């Protein structure tokens, strides 16, 4: 028996392997719409702070007007109940303003940091800010004058306008980190 070895064959070349993602990569550059939204929200928060400051400076007159309006609308209501209603109105308005301010700042930081929950936070806070501003104006319209009578509308409009750009398609892609599907 002979030891017959098969002839040595060279190894075949390895095939070239290329893996391509199914989506176009998303740039890490923040879309301009995010910066626009954050800037508009910043102006809305300044308007909210200005409203709160003006109400705080004219609090005695606003409380008196609210008491007079409530007494005229409900003559059977006791003075203590009217005073309690005015206190609740002022405290609730201040609490909503602080809540909107803090949560909007948190949402702005989250959106700029590419966290998609920031967009949801700002959307919900826009609804609360707009509704709260309009309810405050409706409740205290007889006591508000000048800038204090206009600023609640400014806050409402700016809160909604500051949230709208965050729902543009490029912002959604940037927040999710998913690019467009490539054609096959």
Protein backbone atom coordinates (compact mmCIF):
# COMPACT_ATOMS: atom_id res chain seq x y z
CA UNK A 1 0.00 0.00 0.00
CA UNK A 2 1.21 3.24 -0.91
CA UNK A 3 0.67 6.33 0.96
CA UNK A 4 -1.00 8.46 -1.51
CA UNK A 5 -1.57 12.01 -0.44
CA UNK A 6 -3.91 14.15 -2.39
CA UNK A 7 -2.21 17.04 -4.05
CA UNK A 8 -2.06 20.13 -1.94
CA UNK A 9 -4.63 22.63 -3.06
CA UNK A 10 -4.41 26.25 -2.10
CA UNK A 11 -7.18 27.60 0.04
CA UNK A 12 -9.89 29.36 -1.87
CA UNK A 13 -10.13 33.07 -1.47
CA UNK A 14 -12.54 34.22 1.15
CA UNK A 15 -15.56 35.96 -0.25
CA UNK A 16 -15.87 39.65 0.51
CA UNK A 17 -18.51 40.22 3.15
CA UNK A 18 -20.13 43.59 3.44
CA UNK A 19 -22.84 44.45 5.92
CA UNK A 20 -24.88 47.52 5.22
CA UNK A 21 -27.48 48.87 7.64
CA UNK A 22 -31.04 48.96 6.38
CA UNK A 23 -31.35 52.59 7.43
CA UNK A 24 -29.39 55.68 6.59
CA UNK A 25 -27.42 56.75 9.64
CA UNK A 26 -28.81 59.72 11.54
CA UNK A 27 -26.52 62.66 12.09
CA UNK A 28 -25.72 63.62 15.65
CA UNK A 29 -26.21 67.28 14.72
CA UNK A 30 -29.25 68.71 16.47
CA UNK A 31 -31.94 69.88 14.01
CA UNK A 32 -32.64 73.61 13.94
CA UNK A 33 -36.27 72.94 14.84
CA UNK A 34 -35.13 71.76 18.29
CA UNK A 35 -33.24 75.00 18.90
CA UNK A 36 -36.23 76.99 17.63
CA UNK A 37 -38.60 75.11 19.94
CA UNK A 38 -36.34 75.63 22.95
CA UNK A 39 -36.00 79.34 22.17
CA UNK A 40 -39.78 79.81 21.85
CA UNK A 41 -40.31 77.89 25.07
CA UNK A 42 -37.74 80.15 26.75
CA UNK A 43 -39.74 83.22 25.71
CA UNK A 44 -42.95 81.54 26.93
CA UNK A 45 -41.36 80.94 30.34
CA UNK A 46 -40.17 84.55 30.52
CA UNK A 47 -43.74 85.67 29.75
CA UNK A 48 -45.04 83.30 32.44
CA UNK A 49 -42.57 84.65 34.99
CA UNK A 50 -43.48 88.22 34.02
CA UNK A 51 -47.17 87.43 34.47
CA UNK A 52 -46.54 85.91 37.90
CA UNK A 53 -44.40 88.89 38.92
CA UNK A 54 -47.01 91.42 37.78
CA UNK A 55 -49.77 89.53 39.58
CA UNK A 56 -47.60 89.33 42.69
CA UNK A 57 -46.90 93.06 42.62
CA UNK A 58 -50.59 93.91 42.21
CA UNK A 59 -51.90 91.08 44.39
CA UNK A 60 -53.95 93.22 46.78
CA UNK A 61 -55.85 94.92 43.96
CA UNK A 62 -56.40 91.63 42.14
CA UNK A 63 -57.68 89.94 45.32
CA UNK A 64 -60.05 92.86 45.98
CA UNK A 65 -61.42 92.77 42.44
CA UNK A 66 -61.86 88.98 42.63
CA UNK A 67 -63.71 89.35 45.96
CA UNK A 68 -65.97 92.06 44.55
CA UNK A 69 -66.70 90.02 41.40
CA UNK A 70 -67.51 86.89 43.39
CA UNK A 71 -69.71 88.84 45.81
CA UNK A 72 -71.61 90.40 42.90
CA UNK A 73 -72.03 87.05 41.12
CA UNK A 74 -73.08 85.17 44.27
CA UNK A 75 -74.66 87.56 46.79
CA UNK A 76 -75.73 84.65 49.06
CA UNK A 77 -72.13 83.47 49.57
CA UNK A 78 -70.48 84.33 52.87
CA UNK A 79 -67.45 86.60 53.06
CA UNK A 80 -65.36 83.71 54.43
CA UNK A 81 -66.27 81.50 51.47
CA UNK A 82 -65.43 84.28 49.04
CA UNK A 83 -62.08 84.88 50.76
CA UNK A 84 -61.34 81.13 50.64
CA UNK A 85 -62.22 81.00 46.94
CA UNK A 86 -59.92 83.92 46.21
CA UNK A 87 -57.11 82.27 48.21
CA UNK A 88 -57.59 78.99 46.37
CA UNK A 89 -57.61 80.76 43.01
CA UNK A 90 -54.37 82.62 43.76
CA UNK A 91 -52.60 79.57 45.21
CA UNK A 92 -53.71 77.28 42.38
CA UNK A 93 -52.59 79.81 39.78
CA UNK A 94 -49.19 80.14 41.41
CA UNK A 95 -48.80 76.37 41.77
CA UNK A 96 -49.65 75.78 38.11
CA UNK A 97 -47.17 78.50 37.09
CA UNK A 98 -44.37 76.92 39.14
CA UNK A 99 -45.22 73.44 37.86
CA UNK A 100 -45.21 74.62 34.24
CA UNK A 101 -41.94 76.48 34.75
CA UNK A 102 -40.09 73.54 36.30
CA UNK A 103 -41.42 70.83 34.02
CA UNK A 104 -40.89 72.92 30.89
CA UNK A 105 -37.28 73.54 31.89
CA UNK A 106 -36.85 69.80 32.45
CA UNK A 107 -38.41 69.03 29.05
CA UNK A 108 -36.21 71.59 27.33
CA UNK A 109 -33.07 70.02 28.81
CA UNK A 110 -34.25 66.54 27.83
CA UNK A 111 -35.00 67.51 24.23
CA UNK A 112 -31.66 69.23 23.82
CA UNK A 113 -30.02 66.11 25.25
CA UNK A 114 -31.76 63.98 22.58
CA UNK A 115 -34.13 62.32 25.01
CA UNK A 116 -37.48 61.74 23.31
CA UNK A 117 -39.42 61.92 26.58
CA UNK A 118 -38.65 65.65 26.64
CA UNK A 119 -40.90 66.13 23.62
CA UNK A 120 -43.74 64.36 25.43
CA UNK A 121 -43.16 66.41 28.58
CA UNK A 122 -43.23 69.66 26.60
CA UNK A 123 -46.38 68.60 24.76
CA UNK A 124 -48.21 67.86 28.02
CA UNK A 125 -46.92 71.02 29.68
CA UNK A 126 -48.01 73.06 26.64
CA UNK A 127 -51.55 71.80 27.17
CA UNK A 128 -51.38 72.58 30.91
CA UNK A 129 -49.82 76.02 30.27
CA UNK A 130 -52.36 76.97 27.62
CA UNK A 131 -55.33 75.72 29.62
CA UNK A 132 -54.02 77.16 32.89
CA UNK A 133 -53.34 80.55 31.32
CA UNK A 134 -56.79 80.75 29.80
CA UNK A 135 -58.51 79.58 32.99
CA UNK A 136 -56.52 82.12 35.01
CA UNK A 137 -57.46 84.88 32.58
CA UNK A 138 -61.13 83.85 32.60
CA UNK A 139 -61.21 83.66 36.39
CA UNK A 140 -59.43 86.95 36.98
CA UNK A 141 -60.28 88.91 33.80
CA UNK A 142 -62.04 91.66 35.74
CA UNK A 143 -58.95 92.16 37.90
CA UNK A 144 -56.38 92.08 35.08
CA UNK A 145 -55.37 95.09 33.10
CA UNK A 146 -52.61 96.10 30.73
CA UNK A 147 -49.84 93.56 30.31
CA UNK A 148 -51.31 91.26 32.94
CA UNK A 149 -54.44 90.90 30.82
CA UNK A 150 -52.50 90.06 27.64
CA UNK A 151 -49.63 87.91 28.94
CA UNK A 152 -51.75 84.81 29.68
CA UNK A 153 -52.63 84.66 25.97
CA UNK A 154 -48.97 85.16 25.04
CA UNK A 155 -47.97 82.27 27.31
CA UNK A 156 -50.65 80.00 25.83
CA UNK A 157 -49.71 80.76 22.23
CA UNK A 158 -45.96 80.49 22.81
CA UNK A 159 -46.26 77.19 24.68
CA UNK A 160 -48.15 75.61 21.79
CA UNK A 161 -45.91 77.27 19.17
CA UNK A 162 -42.80 76.08 21.01
CA UNK A 163 -44.00 72.50 20.99
CA UNK A 164 -45.07 72.29 17.33
CA UNK A 165 -41.55 72.20 15.78
CA UNK A 166 -40.69 69.19 17.92
CA UNK A 167 -43.07 67.09 15.85
CA UNK A 168 -41.31 67.76 12.55
CA UNK A 169 -40.10 64.57 10.86
CA UNK A 170 -36.36 65.38 11.11
CA UNK A 171 -36.72 65.97 14.86
CA UNK A 172 -38.53 62.66 15.33
CA UNK A 173 -35.80 60.81 13.42
CA UNK A 174 -33.08 62.59 15.37
CA UNK A 175 -34.72 61.85 18.71
CA UNK A 176 -35.25 58.17 17.90
CA UNK A 177 -31.87 57.78 16.21
CA UNK A 178 -33.47 55.93 13.30
CA UNK A 179 -32.67 56.96 9.78
CA UNK A 180 -34.75 56.47 6.67
CA UNK A 181 -35.09 52.98 5.26
CA UNK A 182 -32.80 52.31 2.32
CA UNK A 183 -34.33 51.04 -0.89
CA UNK A 184 -33.59 47.38 -1.46
